[in-house]
Structures are given as C-alpha cells and as structure tokens.
Amino acid sequence: MAFIVTDNCIRCKYTDCVEVCPVDCFYEGPNFLAINPDECIDCALCEPECPANAIFSEDELPADQEVFVELNQDLALIWPNITEKKDAMADAATWDGVEDKLEYLER
C-alpha cells in the first residue's frame, strides 16, 4: 500500500511532508504534490506532517478521493522530485479545507 496525496493539497501545497520521507517519493507540480506509489514504502511518516490533512494511506482513502490514486501515479512520472521543504502557496490558508478543488489542479 502507498500513501496518496488528495484534494485538499490543491492550491495549498504544504511541503512539510517531503522532509520526513526517507525514500524521496514526492513530486512537485505547480499547485499540488504527488507521491509515486511505486517508490512509497508505506512508512506513514508523511501523513501526520501534512498541515492540510491531505495524505491518506491507500487502504484508508475516502471513497470520494479514489481518483487521486491514478493522479498521484501519473503526475509523479512527469513532475520533478522534491526533497526539501518550501514555503506553502501564498493563499494556502484560504484554500485549506475548501472541498472539490480538482478543477484547480494545474498540471
């Protein structure tokens, strides 16, 4: 099982999670992070570090977030790897908790 970045990361992109990842499996897009499921070792270190509560174990993924399994896999293949914490997006606090943000995902 891998961990999955979900909807609430969109337009927030907190990167606290990438610092604790022992296998550097996070990938960065313009306004979202993705986890490469083939690299994730299911260590669970990233999940509690996410200020937006946007990371879930694949086996605990809410049903309305299942589309993010394939999105994480696809986007991790085209986006650059990120291994160090960066500042969150300028308006992250405004977007944190907003539901149904998939339409705002920038590829």
N, C-alpha and C. Protein backbone atom coordinates (compact mmCIF):
# COMPACT_ATOMS: atom_id res chain seq x y z
N MET A 1 0.84 -1.19 0.00
CA MET A 1 0.00 0.00 0.00
C MET A 1 0.88 1.25 0.00
N ALA A 2 0.41 2.24 -0.68
CA ALA A 2 1.12 3.52 -0.73
C ALA A 2 0.27 4.59 -0.06
N PHE A 3 0.87 5.71 0.16
CA PHE A 3 0.14 6.87 0.64
C PHE A 3 -0.22 7.72 -0.57
N ILE A 4 -1.34 8.43 -0.47
CA ILE A 4 -1.90 9.18 -1.58
C ILE A 4 -2.14 10.63 -1.15
N VAL A 5 -1.70 11.56 -1.98
CA VAL A 5 -2.00 12.97 -1.75
C VAL A 5 -3.35 13.24 -2.39
N THR A 6 -4.24 13.92 -1.67
CA THR A 6 -5.62 14.09 -2.12
C THR A 6 -5.99 15.56 -2.33
N ASP A 7 -7.24 15.78 -2.58
CA ASP A 7 -7.84 17.05 -2.96
C ASP A 7 -7.39 18.26 -2.15
N ASN A 8 -7.28 18.13 -0.84
CA ASN A 8 -7.00 19.32 -0.04
C ASN A 8 -5.60 19.88 -0.24
N CYS A 9 -4.72 19.15 -0.90
CA CYS A 9 -3.38 19.68 -1.21
C CYS A 9 -3.45 20.72 -2.33
N ILE A 10 -4.42 20.62 -3.18
CA ILE A 10 -4.53 21.52 -4.33
C ILE A 10 -4.64 22.96 -3.84
N ARG A 11 -3.79 23.81 -4.37
CA ARG A 11 -3.69 25.24 -4.09
C ARG A 11 -3.21 25.54 -2.67
N CYS A 12 -2.78 24.51 -1.94
CA CYS A 12 -2.14 24.71 -0.64
C CYS A 12 -0.65 24.37 -0.78
N LYS A 13 -0.41 23.13 -1.17
CA LYS A 13 0.93 22.59 -1.43
C LYS A 13 1.90 22.86 -0.28
N TYR A 14 1.48 22.48 0.91
CA TYR A 14 2.41 22.50 2.04
C TYR A 14 3.44 21.41 1.78
N THR A 15 4.68 21.65 2.10
CA THR A 15 5.71 20.66 1.80
C THR A 15 6.37 20.08 3.05
N ASP A 16 5.73 20.20 4.18
CA ASP A 16 6.26 19.64 5.42
C ASP A 16 6.51 18.13 5.28
N CYS A 17 5.67 17.49 4.50
CA CYS A 17 5.72 16.04 4.31
C CYS A 17 6.98 15.56 3.60
N VAL A 18 7.50 16.36 2.68
CA VAL A 18 8.64 15.88 1.88
C VAL A 18 9.91 15.74 2.72
N GLU A 19 10.05 16.55 3.74
CA GLU A 19 11.26 16.49 4.58
C GLU A 19 11.41 15.18 5.34
N VAL A 20 10.31 14.57 5.68
CA VAL A 20 10.36 13.35 6.50
C VAL A 20 10.37 12.07 5.68
N CYS A 21 10.20 12.18 4.39
CA CYS A 21 10.13 10.99 3.53
C CYS A 21 11.52 10.37 3.38
N PRO A 22 11.71 9.14 3.84
CA PRO A 22 13.03 8.52 3.77
C PRO A 22 13.42 8.04 2.37
N VAL A 23 12.46 7.98 1.45
CA VAL A 23 12.77 7.49 0.10
C VAL A 23 12.53 8.54 -0.98
N ASP A 24 12.27 9.77 -0.59
CA ASP A 24 12.11 10.87 -1.54
C ASP A 24 11.13 10.54 -2.67
N CYS A 25 9.92 10.19 -2.28
CA CYS A 25 8.93 9.78 -3.29
C CYS A 25 7.90 10.86 -3.62
N PHE A 26 8.17 12.12 -3.23
CA PHE A 26 7.26 13.22 -3.53
C PHE A 26 7.69 13.93 -4.80
N TYR A 27 6.70 14.37 -5.55
CA TYR A 27 6.92 15.09 -6.81
C TYR A 27 6.08 16.35 -6.80
N GLU A 28 6.64 17.43 -7.34
CA GLU A 28 6.02 18.75 -7.21
C GLU A 28 5.51 19.29 -8.53
N GLY A 29 4.23 19.64 -8.51
CA GLY A 29 3.62 20.34 -9.63
C GLY A 29 3.39 21.79 -9.26
N PRO A 30 2.75 22.54 -10.13
CA PRO A 30 2.53 23.96 -9.88
C PRO A 30 1.76 24.27 -8.61
N ASN A 31 0.75 23.44 -8.28
CA ASN A 31 -0.05 23.73 -7.09
C ASN A 31 -0.51 22.47 -6.34
N PHE A 32 0.30 21.40 -6.43
CA PHE A 32 -0.07 20.11 -5.85
C PHE A 32 1.18 19.26 -5.73
N LEU A 33 1.20 18.37 -4.77
CA LEU A 33 2.26 17.38 -4.64
C LEU A 33 1.68 16.01 -4.96
N ALA A 34 2.52 15.13 -5.46
CA ALA A 34 2.11 13.76 -5.73
C ALA A 34 3.12 12.81 -5.12
N ILE A 35 2.66 11.63 -4.74
CA ILE A 35 3.52 10.57 -4.24
C ILE A 35 3.59 9.49 -5.31
N ASN A 36 4.81 9.07 -5.61
CA ASN A 36 4.96 7.95 -6.54
C ASN A 36 4.68 6.66 -5.76
N PRO A 37 3.60 5.97 -6.08
CA PRO A 37 3.23 4.78 -5.30
C PRO A 37 4.23 3.63 -5.46
N ASP A 38 5.00 3.63 -6.55
CA ASP A 38 5.99 2.58 -6.74
C ASP A 38 7.23 2.81 -5.87
N GLU A 39 7.41 4.01 -5.38
CA GLU A 39 8.55 4.34 -4.54
C GLU A 39 8.19 4.41 -3.06
N CYS A 40 6.93 4.66 -2.76
CA CYS A 40 6.47 4.79 -1.38
C CYS A 40 6.64 3.46 -0.64
N ILE A 41 7.21 3.53 0.55
CA ILE A 41 7.43 2.30 1.34
C ILE A 41 6.42 2.16 2.48
N ASP A 42 5.37 2.99 2.44
CA ASP A 42 4.28 2.89 3.42
C ASP A 42 4.77 3.08 4.86
N CYS A 43 5.70 4.01 5.04
CA CYS A 43 6.27 4.23 6.38
C CYS A 43 5.36 5.10 7.26
N ALA A 44 4.44 5.83 6.66
CA ALA A 44 3.45 6.65 7.36
C ALA A 44 4.04 7.91 8.01
N LEU A 45 5.26 8.26 7.72
CA LEU A 45 5.85 9.46 8.31
C LEU A 45 5.25 10.75 7.76
N CYS A 46 4.84 10.73 6.51
CA CYS A 46 4.33 11.94 5.86
C CYS A 46 2.94 12.34 6.34
N GLU A 47 2.10 11.38 6.60
CA GLU A 47 0.70 11.65 6.91
C GLU A 47 0.51 12.63 8.07
N PRO A 48 1.15 12.44 9.23
CA PRO A 48 0.93 13.39 10.32
C PRO A 48 1.61 14.75 10.11
N GLU A 49 2.52 14.84 9.15
CA GLU A 49 3.22 16.09 8.89
C GLU A 49 2.43 17.04 8.00
N CYS A 50 1.40 16.56 7.33
CA CYS A 50 0.63 17.37 6.40
C CYS A 50 -0.32 18.30 7.15
N PRO A 51 -0.09 19.62 7.12
CA PRO A 51 -0.97 20.56 7.83
C PRO A 51 -2.39 20.58 7.27
N ALA A 52 -2.55 20.15 6.02
CA ALA A 52 -3.87 20.18 5.38
C ALA A 52 -4.61 18.84 5.50
N ASN A 53 -4.00 17.87 6.17
CA ASN A 53 -4.61 16.54 6.28
C ASN A 53 -5.02 16.00 4.91
N ALA A 54 -4.11 16.13 3.95
CA ALA A 54 -4.41 15.74 2.57
C ALA A 54 -3.76 14.42 2.17
N ILE A 55 -3.09 13.75 3.10
CA ILE A 55 -2.41 12.49 2.78
C ILE A 55 -3.09 11.35 3.53
N PHE A 56 -3.40 10.30 2.76
CA PHE A 56 -4.07 9.13 3.33
C PHE A 56 -3.38 7.86 2.87
N SER A 57 -3.41 6.86 3.71
CA SER A 57 -3.00 5.53 3.30
C SER A 57 -4.01 5.05 2.25
N GLU A 58 -3.53 4.36 1.26
CA GLU A 58 -4.42 3.91 0.19
C GLU A 58 -5.58 3.07 0.72
N ASP A 59 -5.34 2.30 1.76
CA ASP A 59 -6.42 1.47 2.31
C ASP A 59 -7.37 2.24 3.22
N GLU A 60 -7.07 3.52 3.51
CA GLU A 60 -7.96 4.36 4.31
C GLU A 60 -8.45 5.57 3.51
N LEU A 61 -8.28 5.52 2.23
CA LEU A 61 -8.66 6.62 1.35
C LEU A 61 -10.18 6.78 1.30
N PRO A 62 -10.68 7.98 1.57
CA PRO A 62 -12.13 8.19 1.45
C PRO A 62 -12.59 7.89 0.02
N ALA A 63 -13.77 7.36 -0.12
CA ALA A 63 -14.28 6.95 -1.43
C ALA A 63 -14.30 8.09 -2.44
N ASP A 64 -14.58 9.30 -1.97
CA ASP A 64 -14.64 10.43 -2.91
C ASP A 64 -13.26 10.93 -3.33
N GLN A 65 -12.20 10.30 -2.84
CA GLN A 65 -10.82 10.69 -3.17
C GLN A 65 -10.10 9.64 -4.03
N GLU A 66 -10.80 8.60 -4.44
CA GLU A 66 -10.17 7.50 -5.17
C GLU A 66 -9.55 7.92 -6.49
N VAL A 67 -10.03 8.98 -7.11
CA VAL A 67 -9.46 9.46 -8.36
C VAL A 67 -7.99 9.87 -8.18
N PHE A 68 -7.60 10.18 -6.95
CA PHE A 68 -6.24 10.63 -6.69
C PHE A 68 -5.21 9.51 -6.70
N VAL A 69 -5.64 8.26 -6.65
CA VAL A 69 -4.70 7.14 -6.76
C VAL A 69 -4.02 7.21 -8.12
N GLU A 70 -4.80 7.25 -9.16
CA GLU A 70 -4.24 7.32 -10.52
C GLU A 70 -3.55 8.65 -10.77
N LEU A 71 -4.10 9.74 -10.27
CA LEU A 71 -3.47 11.05 -10.46
C LEU A 71 -2.07 11.09 -9.85
N ASN A 72 -1.91 10.59 -8.62
CA ASN A 72 -0.59 10.56 -8.00
C ASN A 72 0.39 9.77 -8.85
N GLN A 73 -0.04 8.62 -9.31
CA GLN A 73 0.84 7.78 -10.12
C GLN A 73 1.24 8.48 -11.42
N ASP A 74 0.29 9.04 -12.11
CA ASP A 74 0.55 9.69 -13.40
C ASP A 74 1.41 10.95 -13.24
N LEU A 75 1.07 11.79 -12.27
CA LEU A 75 1.78 13.05 -12.11
C LEU A 75 3.19 12.85 -11.58
N ALA A 76 3.40 11.85 -10.75
CA ALA A 76 4.75 11.58 -10.24
C ALA A 76 5.71 11.19 -11.35
N LEU A 77 5.18 10.71 -12.45
CA LEU A 77 6.03 10.32 -13.57
C LEU A 77 6.47 11.50 -14.43
N ILE A 78 5.77 12.63 -14.32
CA ILE A 78 6.11 13.77 -15.18
C ILE A 78 6.63 14.99 -14.42
N TRP A 79 6.39 15.05 -13.12
CA TRP A 79 6.82 16.19 -12.33
C TRP A 79 8.19 15.94 -11.71
N PRO A 80 8.93 17.01 -11.37
CA PRO A 80 10.24 16.84 -10.73
C PRO A 80 10.12 16.41 -9.27
N ASN A 81 11.11 15.68 -8.83
CA ASN A 81 11.19 15.23 -7.45
C ASN A 81 11.44 16.41 -6.53
N ILE A 82 10.84 16.38 -5.35
CA ILE A 82 11.06 17.41 -4.34
C ILE A 82 11.49 16.71 -3.05
N THR A 83 12.56 17.24 -2.43
CA THR A 83 13.09 16.60 -1.22
C THR A 83 13.26 17.56 -0.05
N GLU A 84 13.03 18.85 -0.29
CA GLU A 84 13.20 19.83 0.77
C GLU A 84 11.95 20.67 0.91
N LYS A 85 11.69 21.08 2.13
CA LYS A 85 10.53 21.91 2.42
C LYS A 85 10.67 23.28 1.77
N LYS A 86 9.57 23.76 1.23
CA LYS A 86 9.48 25.09 0.64
C LYS A 86 8.32 25.82 1.30
N ASP A 87 8.21 27.10 1.06
CA ASP A 87 7.06 27.84 1.56
C ASP A 87 5.79 27.34 0.89
N ALA A 88 4.71 27.33 1.64
CA ALA A 88 3.40 26.98 1.07
C ALA A 88 2.98 28.07 0.09
N MET A 89 1.98 27.80 -0.68
CA MET A 89 1.47 28.79 -1.61
C MET A 89 0.96 30.00 -0.82
N ALA A 90 1.05 31.17 -1.40
CA ALA A 90 0.73 32.42 -0.71
C ALA A 90 -0.68 32.43 -0.11
N ASP A 91 -1.63 31.83 -0.81
CA ASP A 91 -3.01 31.82 -0.32
C ASP A 91 -3.45 30.45 0.20
N ALA A 92 -2.48 29.66 0.66
CA ALA A 92 -2.77 28.30 1.14
C ALA A 92 -3.82 28.27 2.24
N ALA A 93 -3.74 29.19 3.18
CA ALA A 93 -4.70 29.20 4.30
C ALA A 93 -6.13 29.43 3.81
N THR A 94 -6.27 30.19 2.74
CA THR A 94 -7.59 30.45 2.17
C THR A 94 -8.18 29.19 1.53
N TRP A 95 -7.32 28.38 0.91
CA TRP A 95 -7.77 27.18 0.20
C TRP A 95 -7.84 25.94 1.07
N ASP A 96 -7.17 25.95 2.21
CA ASP A 96 -7.17 24.79 3.09
C ASP A 96 -8.59 24.53 3.59
N GLY A 97 -9.09 23.34 3.31
CA GLY A 97 -10.43 22.96 3.74
C GLY A 97 -11.51 23.17 2.69
N VAL A 98 -11.19 23.85 1.60
CA VAL A 98 -12.15 24.02 0.51
C VAL A 98 -12.33 22.65 -0.16
N GLU A 99 -13.54 22.24 -0.39
CA GLU A 99 -13.81 20.93 -0.99
C GLU A 99 -13.89 21.01 -2.51
N ASP A 100 -13.70 19.86 -3.13
CA ASP A 100 -13.86 19.70 -4.58
C ASP A 100 -12.98 20.67 -5.37
N LYS A 101 -11.67 20.62 -5.15
CA LYS A 101 -10.73 21.51 -5.80
C LYS A 101 -10.08 20.90 -7.04
N LEU A 102 -10.49 19.72 -7.46
CA LEU A 102 -9.84 19.05 -8.58
C LEU A 102 -9.77 19.92 -9.84
N GLU A 103 -10.79 20.72 -10.07
CA GLU A 103 -10.81 21.58 -11.25
C GLU A 103 -9.68 22.62 -11.24
N TYR A 104 -9.09 22.86 -10.08
CA TYR A 104 -8.00 23.84 -9.95
C TYR A 104 -6.61 23.22 -10.06
N LEU A 105 -6.55 21.91 -10.20
CA LEU A 105 -5.26 21.23 -10.30
C LEU A 105 -4.56 21.64 -11.59
N GLU A 106 -3.36 22.18 -11.44
CA GLU A 106 -2.55 22.56 -12.59
C GLU A 106 -1.54 21.46 -12.88
N ARG A 107 -1.47 21.09 -14.12
CA ARG A 107 -0.52 20.03 -14.50
C ARG A 107 0.71 20.64 -15.08
